[in-house]
N, C-alpha and C. Protein backbone atom coordinates (compact mmCIF):
# COMPACT_ATOMS: atom_id res chain seq x y z
N MET A 1 93.93 94.36 72.46
CA MET A 1 93.27 95.37 71.69
C MET A 1 93.84 96.75 72.04
N PHE A 2 94.02 96.97 73.35
CA PHE A 2 94.56 98.27 73.79
C PHE A 2 95.95 98.51 73.21
N LEU A 3 96.82 97.51 73.29
CA LEU A 3 98.17 97.68 72.77
C LEU A 3 98.17 97.89 71.27
N ALA A 4 97.26 97.24 70.56
CA ALA A 4 97.15 97.45 69.12
C ALA A 4 96.72 98.88 68.82
N ALA A 5 95.76 99.40 69.60
CA ALA A 5 95.31 100.79 69.41
C ALA A 5 96.45 101.77 69.69
N VAL A 6 97.19 101.54 70.76
CA VAL A 6 98.31 102.42 71.09
C VAL A 6 99.37 102.36 70.00
N SER A 7 99.71 101.15 69.60
CA SER A 7 100.73 100.97 68.57
C SER A 7 100.32 101.65 67.27
N GLY A 8 99.10 101.37 66.82
CA GLY A 8 98.61 101.98 65.59
C GLY A 8 98.54 103.50 65.70
N GLY A 9 98.10 103.99 66.86
CA GLY A 9 98.02 105.43 67.06
C GLY A 9 99.37 106.10 67.02
N LEU A 10 100.36 105.46 67.63
CA LEU A 10 101.71 106.06 67.63
C LEU A 10 102.35 106.01 66.25
N VAL A 11 102.07 104.96 65.48
CA VAL A 11 102.56 104.91 64.10
C VAL A 11 101.91 106.04 63.30
N ALA A 12 100.60 106.20 63.45
CA ALA A 12 99.91 107.29 62.75
C ALA A 12 100.45 108.64 63.18
N LEU A 13 100.74 108.80 64.46
CA LEU A 13 101.30 110.06 64.95
C LEU A 13 102.66 110.33 64.31
N GLY A 14 103.47 109.29 64.19
CA GLY A 14 104.77 109.44 63.53
C GLY A 14 104.62 109.83 62.06
N LEU A 15 103.66 109.24 61.38
CA LEU A 15 103.44 109.60 59.97
C LEU A 15 102.97 111.04 59.83
N VAL A 16 102.07 111.46 60.72
CA VAL A 16 101.60 112.85 60.69
C VAL A 16 102.74 113.80 61.02
N ALA A 17 103.60 113.41 61.96
CA ALA A 17 104.75 114.25 62.32
C ALA A 17 105.66 114.45 61.11
N THR A 18 105.89 113.37 60.38
CA THR A 18 106.75 113.46 59.20
C THR A 18 106.09 114.29 58.11
N ALA A 19 104.83 114.04 57.86
CA ALA A 19 104.12 114.73 56.78
C ALA A 19 103.94 116.22 57.07
N SER A 20 103.77 116.56 58.34
CA SER A 20 103.49 117.97 58.68
C SER A 20 104.73 118.72 59.16
N SER A 21 105.87 118.03 59.21
CA SER A 21 107.10 118.65 59.74
C SER A 21 106.88 119.24 61.13
N LEU A 22 106.17 118.50 61.96
CA LEU A 22 105.84 118.92 63.32
C LEU A 22 105.10 120.26 63.36
N GLY A 23 104.25 120.46 62.39
CA GLY A 23 103.46 121.69 62.34
C GLY A 23 102.18 121.57 63.13
N SER A 24 101.27 122.49 62.84
CA SER A 24 100.02 122.54 63.61
C SER A 24 99.17 121.28 63.40
N ALA A 25 99.26 120.65 62.24
CA ALA A 25 98.51 119.41 62.01
C ALA A 25 98.97 118.33 62.99
N PHE A 26 100.28 118.26 63.24
CA PHE A 26 100.80 117.28 64.20
C PHE A 26 100.25 117.54 65.59
N TYR A 27 100.32 118.79 66.05
CA TYR A 27 99.85 119.10 67.40
C TYR A 27 98.35 118.88 67.54
N GLY A 28 97.59 119.26 66.53
CA GLY A 28 96.15 119.03 66.57
C GLY A 28 95.82 117.55 66.63
N PHE A 29 96.49 116.77 65.78
CA PHE A 29 96.25 115.33 65.74
C PHE A 29 96.67 114.69 67.07
N ALA A 30 97.83 115.07 67.57
CA ALA A 30 98.35 114.49 68.81
C ALA A 30 97.47 114.83 70.00
N LEU A 31 96.94 116.05 70.03
CA LEU A 31 96.10 116.46 71.16
C LEU A 31 94.70 115.87 71.10
N VAL A 32 94.35 115.26 69.99
CA VAL A 32 93.12 114.47 69.92
C VAL A 32 93.44 113.00 70.20
N LEU A 33 94.50 112.50 69.59
CA LEU A 33 94.85 111.09 69.68
C LEU A 33 95.29 110.67 71.09
N LEU A 34 96.22 111.37 71.69
CA LEU A 34 96.78 110.94 72.97
C LEU A 34 95.74 110.88 74.10
N PRO A 35 94.89 111.90 74.25
CA PRO A 35 93.87 111.79 75.30
C PRO A 35 92.87 110.65 75.00
N THR A 36 92.58 110.43 73.72
CA THR A 36 91.68 109.33 73.36
C THR A 36 92.30 108.00 73.74
N LEU A 37 93.58 107.81 73.44
CA LEU A 37 94.26 106.58 73.82
C LEU A 37 94.35 106.44 75.33
N ALA A 38 94.55 107.55 76.04
CA ALA A 38 94.58 107.50 77.50
C ALA A 38 93.21 107.08 78.05
N PHE A 39 92.14 107.59 77.47
CA PHE A 39 90.80 107.18 77.89
C PHE A 39 90.59 105.68 77.66
N VAL A 40 90.99 105.21 76.50
CA VAL A 40 90.88 103.77 76.20
C VAL A 40 91.71 102.99 77.22
N GLY A 41 92.84 103.53 77.63
CA GLY A 41 93.67 102.90 78.64
C GLY A 41 92.98 102.81 79.99
N PHE A 42 92.31 103.87 80.41
CA PHE A 42 91.58 103.85 81.68
C PHE A 42 90.48 102.79 81.66
N VAL A 43 89.76 102.72 80.56
CA VAL A 43 88.68 101.73 80.44
C VAL A 43 89.27 100.32 80.40
N THR A 44 90.35 100.13 79.68
CA THR A 44 90.99 98.81 79.60
C THR A 44 91.54 98.40 80.96
N PHE A 45 92.13 99.34 81.67
CA PHE A 45 92.63 99.07 83.03
C PHE A 45 91.51 98.55 83.91
N GLU A 46 90.39 99.23 83.90
CA GLU A 46 89.27 98.84 84.76
C GLU A 46 88.77 97.45 84.36
N ARG A 47 88.66 97.19 83.07
CA ARG A 47 88.16 95.87 82.64
C ARG A 47 89.18 94.77 82.97
N ALA A 48 90.46 95.03 82.78
CA ALA A 48 91.47 94.03 83.13
C ALA A 48 91.44 93.73 84.62
N LEU A 49 91.22 94.74 85.42
CA LEU A 49 91.12 94.56 86.87
C LEU A 49 89.89 93.72 87.22
N GLN A 50 88.76 94.03 86.59
CA GLN A 50 87.54 93.24 86.83
C GLN A 50 87.76 91.78 86.44
N SER A 51 88.39 91.55 85.31
CA SER A 51 88.64 90.17 84.86
C SER A 51 89.53 89.42 85.84
N SER A 52 90.54 90.10 86.36
CA SER A 52 91.43 89.47 87.34
C SER A 52 90.68 89.09 88.61
N ILE A 53 89.81 89.97 89.07
CA ILE A 53 89.02 89.69 90.26
C ILE A 53 88.09 88.50 89.99
N GLU A 54 87.46 88.49 88.82
CA GLU A 54 86.58 87.37 88.47
C GLU A 54 87.36 86.06 88.44
N ASP A 55 88.56 86.08 87.85
CA ASP A 55 89.39 84.87 87.81
C ASP A 55 89.72 84.37 89.22
N THR A 56 90.00 85.29 90.12
CA THR A 56 90.30 84.91 91.50
C THR A 56 89.07 84.32 92.18
N GLU A 57 87.91 84.90 91.90
CA GLU A 57 86.67 84.34 92.46
C GLU A 57 86.45 82.92 91.95
N TYR A 58 86.72 82.68 90.69
CA TYR A 58 86.59 81.31 90.15
C TYR A 58 87.57 80.37 90.86
N ALA A 59 88.78 80.84 91.08
CA ALA A 59 89.77 80.02 91.78
C ALA A 59 89.32 79.72 93.21
N ARG A 60 88.72 80.71 93.87
CA ARG A 60 88.20 80.47 95.22
C ARG A 60 87.10 79.41 95.21
N ARG A 61 86.23 79.49 94.22
CA ARG A 61 85.15 78.51 94.11
C ARG A 61 85.70 77.11 93.83
N ILE A 62 86.70 77.04 92.97
CA ILE A 62 87.33 75.75 92.68
C ILE A 62 87.96 75.18 93.95
N ALA A 63 88.61 76.04 94.74
CA ALA A 63 89.22 75.58 95.99
C ALA A 63 88.14 75.05 96.94
N LEU A 64 87.00 75.73 97.01
CA LEU A 64 85.91 75.24 97.85
C LEU A 64 85.39 73.89 97.35
N LEU A 65 85.24 73.78 96.05
CA LEU A 65 84.77 72.54 95.47
C LEU A 65 85.74 71.39 95.73
N ARG A 66 87.02 71.66 95.60
CA ARG A 66 88.03 70.65 95.90
C ARG A 66 87.94 70.22 97.36
N GLY A 67 87.74 71.17 98.25
CA GLY A 67 87.58 70.84 99.66
C GLY A 67 86.36 69.96 99.90
N TYR A 68 85.29 70.26 99.19
CA TYR A 68 84.09 69.43 99.30
C TYR A 68 84.38 68.01 98.83
N TYR A 69 85.06 67.90 97.68
CA TYR A 69 85.41 66.56 97.17
C TYR A 69 86.25 65.78 98.18
N PHE A 70 87.27 66.43 98.72
CA PHE A 70 88.14 65.74 99.67
C PHE A 70 87.38 65.34 100.94
N GLY A 71 86.40 66.14 101.34
CA GLY A 71 85.64 65.84 102.53
C GLY A 71 84.59 64.75 102.33
N HIS A 72 84.00 64.72 101.14
CA HIS A 72 82.90 63.79 100.90
C HIS A 72 83.27 62.58 100.03
N ALA A 73 84.38 62.64 99.38
CA ALA A 73 84.82 61.51 98.55
C ALA A 73 86.33 61.36 98.68
N PRO A 74 86.82 61.00 99.86
CA PRO A 74 88.27 60.92 100.07
C PRO A 74 88.96 59.93 99.15
N GLU A 75 88.22 59.01 98.55
CA GLU A 75 88.84 58.04 97.66
C GLU A 75 89.36 58.66 96.37
N ILE A 76 88.97 59.90 96.06
CA ILE A 76 89.49 60.54 94.84
C ILE A 76 90.80 61.29 95.09
N ALA A 77 91.28 61.32 96.31
CA ALA A 77 92.52 62.03 96.65
C ALA A 77 93.69 61.67 95.75
N PRO A 78 93.88 60.39 95.37
CA PRO A 78 95.02 60.09 94.48
C PRO A 78 94.91 60.73 93.10
N TYR A 79 93.71 61.15 92.71
CA TYR A 79 93.51 61.70 91.38
C TYR A 79 93.57 63.23 91.34
N LEU A 80 93.56 63.85 92.49
CA LEU A 80 93.60 65.31 92.58
C LEU A 80 94.83 65.74 93.37
N LEU A 81 95.36 66.88 93.02
CA LEU A 81 96.47 67.44 93.79
C LEU A 81 95.98 67.73 95.19
N SER A 82 96.65 67.16 96.17
CA SER A 82 96.20 67.33 97.55
C SER A 82 97.20 68.21 98.30
N VAL A 83 96.69 69.28 98.87
CA VAL A 83 97.50 70.18 99.69
C VAL A 83 96.70 70.48 100.95
N PRO A 84 97.36 70.95 101.99
CA PRO A 84 96.62 71.32 103.21
C PRO A 84 95.57 72.38 102.91
N LEU A 85 94.50 72.36 103.67
CA LEU A 85 93.37 73.27 103.48
C LEU A 85 93.80 74.73 103.34
N ALA A 86 94.71 75.17 104.18
CA ALA A 86 95.13 76.58 104.17
C ALA A 86 95.85 76.95 102.89
N GLU A 87 96.39 75.97 102.16
CA GLU A 87 97.17 76.26 100.96
C GLU A 87 96.40 76.03 99.66
N ARG A 88 95.16 75.61 99.74
CA ARG A 88 94.42 75.26 98.53
C ARG A 88 94.24 76.45 97.59
N LEU A 89 93.93 77.60 98.13
CA LEU A 89 93.77 78.77 97.27
C LEU A 89 95.13 79.27 96.80
N LEU A 90 96.12 79.24 97.68
CA LEU A 90 97.45 79.72 97.31
C LEU A 90 98.04 78.95 96.14
N MET A 91 97.73 77.66 96.03
CA MET A 91 98.30 76.87 94.95
C MET A 91 97.75 77.29 93.59
N GLN A 92 96.66 78.03 93.58
CA GLN A 92 96.04 78.46 92.33
C GLN A 92 96.34 79.91 91.99
N ARG A 93 97.12 80.58 92.82
CA ARG A 93 97.37 82.00 92.60
C ARG A 93 98.86 82.28 92.51
N VAL A 94 99.16 83.40 91.91
CA VAL A 94 100.53 83.88 91.91
C VAL A 94 100.76 84.58 93.24
N PRO A 95 101.80 84.18 93.99
CA PRO A 95 102.02 84.84 95.27
C PRO A 95 102.25 86.34 95.07
N GLY A 96 101.70 87.13 95.94
CA GLY A 96 101.81 88.57 95.79
C GLY A 96 102.78 89.19 96.78
N ASP A 97 103.32 90.29 96.40
CA ASP A 97 104.13 91.12 97.29
C ASP A 97 103.76 92.56 96.98
N ARG A 98 104.46 93.50 97.54
CA ARG A 98 104.06 94.88 97.33
C ARG A 98 104.23 95.36 95.90
N TRP A 99 104.99 94.65 95.08
CA TRP A 99 105.21 95.03 93.69
C TRP A 99 104.33 94.23 92.73
N GLN A 100 103.47 93.34 93.27
CA GLN A 100 102.66 92.49 92.41
C GLN A 100 101.76 93.31 91.48
N GLY A 101 101.26 94.42 91.95
CA GLY A 101 100.37 95.26 91.13
C GLY A 101 100.99 95.74 89.84
N TYR A 102 102.31 95.83 89.82
CA TYR A 102 103.00 96.28 88.61
C TYR A 102 103.23 95.12 87.63
N ARG A 103 103.00 93.89 88.10
CA ARG A 103 103.24 92.72 87.25
C ARG A 103 101.95 92.08 86.79
N THR A 104 100.89 92.85 86.76
CA THR A 104 99.61 92.35 86.28
C THR A 104 99.30 93.02 84.94
N VAL A 105 98.30 92.48 84.24
CA VAL A 105 97.87 93.12 82.99
C VAL A 105 97.37 94.52 83.29
N ALA A 106 96.58 94.65 84.35
CA ALA A 106 96.07 95.98 84.72
C ALA A 106 97.22 96.93 85.05
N GLY A 107 98.26 96.43 85.72
CA GLY A 107 99.42 97.27 86.03
C GLY A 107 100.15 97.73 84.79
N MET A 108 100.29 96.85 83.80
CA MET A 108 100.93 97.21 82.54
C MET A 108 100.10 98.27 81.81
N VAL A 109 98.78 98.08 81.81
CA VAL A 109 97.90 99.05 81.16
C VAL A 109 97.97 100.38 81.90
N ALA A 110 98.06 100.34 83.23
CA ALA A 110 98.17 101.56 84.03
C ALA A 110 99.44 102.34 83.66
N LEU A 111 100.53 101.63 83.51
CA LEU A 111 101.78 102.30 83.14
C LEU A 111 101.68 102.98 81.78
N ILE A 112 101.18 102.27 80.80
CA ILE A 112 101.06 102.85 79.45
C ILE A 112 100.07 104.01 79.45
N THR A 113 98.98 103.87 80.19
CA THR A 113 97.98 104.95 80.28
C THR A 113 98.57 106.18 80.95
N ALA A 114 99.35 105.98 81.99
CA ALA A 114 100.00 107.11 82.66
C ALA A 114 100.97 107.83 81.72
N VAL A 115 101.70 107.06 80.94
CA VAL A 115 102.62 107.67 79.96
C VAL A 115 101.84 108.46 78.91
N LEU A 116 100.71 107.91 78.46
CA LEU A 116 99.89 108.63 77.48
C LEU A 116 99.33 109.92 78.07
N ALA A 117 98.87 109.86 79.32
CA ALA A 117 98.35 111.06 79.98
C ALA A 117 99.46 112.09 80.18
N GLY A 118 100.62 111.62 80.60
CA GLY A 118 101.76 112.52 80.77
C GLY A 118 102.22 113.12 79.45
N SER A 119 102.19 112.32 78.40
CA SER A 119 102.56 112.82 77.07
C SER A 119 101.60 113.89 76.58
N THR A 120 100.33 113.71 76.89
CA THR A 120 99.33 114.73 76.53
C THR A 120 99.64 116.04 77.24
N ALA A 121 99.93 115.96 78.52
CA ALA A 121 100.26 117.17 79.29
C ALA A 121 101.54 117.81 78.78
N ALA A 122 102.53 116.99 78.46
CA ALA A 122 103.80 117.52 77.95
C ALA A 122 103.60 118.23 76.62
N LEU A 123 102.79 117.63 75.76
CA LEU A 123 102.54 118.24 74.46
C LEU A 123 101.79 119.56 74.61
N ALA A 124 100.82 119.59 75.51
CA ALA A 124 100.10 120.84 75.77
C ALA A 124 101.05 121.90 76.33
N ALA A 125 101.95 121.49 77.22
CA ALA A 125 102.92 122.44 77.79
C ALA A 125 103.87 122.98 76.71
N ILE A 126 104.24 122.14 75.77
CA ILE A 126 105.09 122.60 74.67
C ILE A 126 104.40 123.73 73.91
N LEU A 127 103.11 123.57 73.67
CA LEU A 127 102.38 124.62 72.95
C LEU A 127 102.17 125.87 73.82
N ILE A 128 101.85 125.66 75.08
CA ILE A 128 101.57 126.79 75.96
C ILE A 128 102.83 127.59 76.28
N PHE A 129 103.95 126.90 76.52
CA PHE A 129 105.18 127.55 76.95
C PHE A 129 106.22 127.70 75.84
N ASP A 130 105.76 127.86 74.59
CA ASP A 130 106.61 128.16 73.45
C ASP A 130 107.77 127.17 73.30
N HIS A 131 107.44 125.89 73.24
CA HIS A 131 108.39 124.80 72.98
C HIS A 131 109.46 124.66 74.06
N SER A 132 109.08 124.87 75.29
CA SER A 132 110.01 124.73 76.41
C SER A 132 110.10 123.25 76.81
N LEU A 133 111.31 122.69 76.68
CA LEU A 133 111.53 121.30 77.06
C LEU A 133 111.32 121.12 78.57
N ALA A 134 111.80 122.06 79.36
CA ALA A 134 111.65 121.96 80.81
C ALA A 134 110.17 121.93 81.21
N ALA A 135 109.37 122.80 80.61
CA ALA A 135 107.93 122.83 80.91
C ALA A 135 107.28 121.51 80.51
N ALA A 136 107.69 120.96 79.38
CA ALA A 136 107.14 119.69 78.92
C ALA A 136 107.49 118.56 79.88
N LEU A 137 108.75 118.49 80.30
CA LEU A 137 109.17 117.43 81.22
C LEU A 137 108.48 117.53 82.57
N VAL A 138 108.40 118.74 83.09
CA VAL A 138 107.75 118.93 84.39
C VAL A 138 106.26 118.60 84.29
N SER A 139 105.60 119.11 83.27
CA SER A 139 104.17 118.86 83.11
C SER A 139 103.89 117.38 82.91
N GLY A 140 104.65 116.75 82.05
CA GLY A 140 104.46 115.33 81.79
C GLY A 140 104.66 114.50 83.04
N THR A 141 105.69 114.80 83.81
CA THR A 141 105.97 114.08 85.04
C THR A 141 104.89 114.33 86.09
N LEU A 142 104.42 115.58 86.20
CA LEU A 142 103.40 115.91 87.19
C LEU A 142 102.04 115.30 86.87
N VAL A 143 101.85 114.85 85.66
CA VAL A 143 100.61 114.15 85.31
C VAL A 143 100.83 112.64 85.34
N ALA A 144 101.92 112.16 84.76
CA ALA A 144 102.14 110.72 84.64
C ALA A 144 102.31 110.03 86.00
N LEU A 145 103.14 110.57 86.86
CA LEU A 145 103.39 109.90 88.15
C LEU A 145 102.15 109.80 89.03
N PRO A 146 101.41 110.88 89.25
CA PRO A 146 100.19 110.74 90.07
C PRO A 146 99.15 109.82 89.41
N THR A 147 99.10 109.84 88.08
CA THR A 147 98.16 108.95 87.39
C THR A 147 98.52 107.50 87.67
N MET A 148 99.80 107.19 87.54
CA MET A 148 100.25 105.81 87.79
C MET A 148 100.01 105.41 89.25
N ILE A 149 100.36 106.26 90.15
CA ILE A 149 100.18 105.97 91.58
C ILE A 149 98.70 105.77 91.90
N ALA A 150 97.84 106.64 91.37
CA ALA A 150 96.40 106.53 91.64
C ALA A 150 95.83 105.23 91.08
N MET A 151 96.27 104.84 89.90
CA MET A 151 95.74 103.61 89.30
C MET A 151 96.21 102.38 90.07
N ILE A 152 97.46 102.35 90.49
CA ILE A 152 97.95 101.20 91.26
C ILE A 152 97.29 101.16 92.63
N ARG A 153 97.09 102.30 93.26
CA ARG A 153 96.39 102.32 94.55
C ARG A 153 94.95 101.84 94.40
N HIS A 154 94.31 102.26 93.32
CA HIS A 154 92.95 101.80 93.06
C HIS A 154 92.94 100.28 92.89
N GLN A 155 93.89 99.77 92.12
CA GLN A 155 93.98 98.33 91.92
C GLN A 155 94.17 97.61 93.26
N ASP A 156 95.08 98.13 94.08
CA ASP A 156 95.32 97.51 95.39
C ASP A 156 94.06 97.51 96.25
N SER A 157 93.32 98.61 96.25
CA SER A 157 92.12 98.67 97.09
C SER A 157 91.04 97.72 96.57
N VAL A 158 90.93 97.58 95.26
CA VAL A 158 89.95 96.65 94.70
C VAL A 158 90.32 95.21 95.09
N TRP A 159 91.63 94.89 95.02
CA TRP A 159 92.07 93.55 95.42
C TRP A 159 91.83 93.30 96.90
N GLU A 160 92.07 94.30 97.73
CA GLU A 160 91.84 94.15 99.17
C GLU A 160 90.37 93.89 99.46
N ARG A 161 89.48 94.65 98.81
CA ARG A 161 88.04 94.44 98.99
C ARG A 161 87.64 93.04 98.55
N ALA A 162 88.17 92.61 97.40
CA ALA A 162 87.82 91.28 96.88
C ALA A 162 88.32 90.17 97.79
N ALA A 163 89.49 90.37 98.38
CA ALA A 163 90.07 89.33 99.25
C ALA A 163 89.30 89.18 100.55
N THR A 164 88.68 90.24 101.02
CA THR A 164 87.96 90.17 102.30
C THR A 164 86.48 89.87 102.12
N GLU A 165 86.00 89.92 100.88
CA GLU A 165 84.59 89.66 100.63
C GLU A 165 84.30 88.17 100.78
N PRO A 166 83.30 87.83 101.58
CA PRO A 166 83.00 86.40 101.77
C PRO A 166 82.40 85.80 100.50
N LEU A 167 82.73 84.55 100.27
CA LEU A 167 82.20 83.82 99.13
C LEU A 167 80.87 83.22 99.55
N ARG A 168 79.82 83.55 98.81
CA ARG A 168 78.49 83.04 99.16
C ARG A 168 78.15 81.86 98.26
N PRO A 169 77.91 80.70 98.85
CA PRO A 169 77.59 79.51 98.05
C PRO A 169 76.32 79.73 97.22
N GLY A 170 76.35 79.22 96.00
CA GLY A 170 75.19 79.29 95.12
C GLY A 170 75.07 80.58 94.35
N GLU A 171 75.96 81.53 94.56
CA GLU A 171 75.89 82.80 93.86
C GLU A 171 76.71 82.71 92.59
N ASP A 172 76.18 83.21 91.49
CA ASP A 172 76.92 83.17 90.21
C ASP A 172 77.60 84.47 89.92
């Protein structure tokens, strides 16, 4: 849904740019559209992150259930994938490294959201600094990079908290 909104918004922005010859209608439309899309990106990022955490919790529960089956009904071992206890959760997850955050749905949304936020700043700088390309590039970069870094750090901290949180039996 987020990508469809971004795609549709950028097509509309291109049409307005053509129709207005990059006049005030374009800047007005862009300065409403881009921050709105960035907001939708922040919300989508948070929801994608929540969904990923929930999926991992389900995988943890499945691993516990498999352990219970193997402990109480060892005769079903030929019917289930059997791995050592320490590897049961790992077999259900994508192995992570320091770049894993960039290869998630939330990471992809974070990148696009950072670009939208940076584009908003660049467009505002163009208007403020009389169409200065340098001001636009500096402003866009000074907003996009910290936004991206903050979102990935937030994602990492949420994953760290989720990984250390004990699983309580019977909790939904």
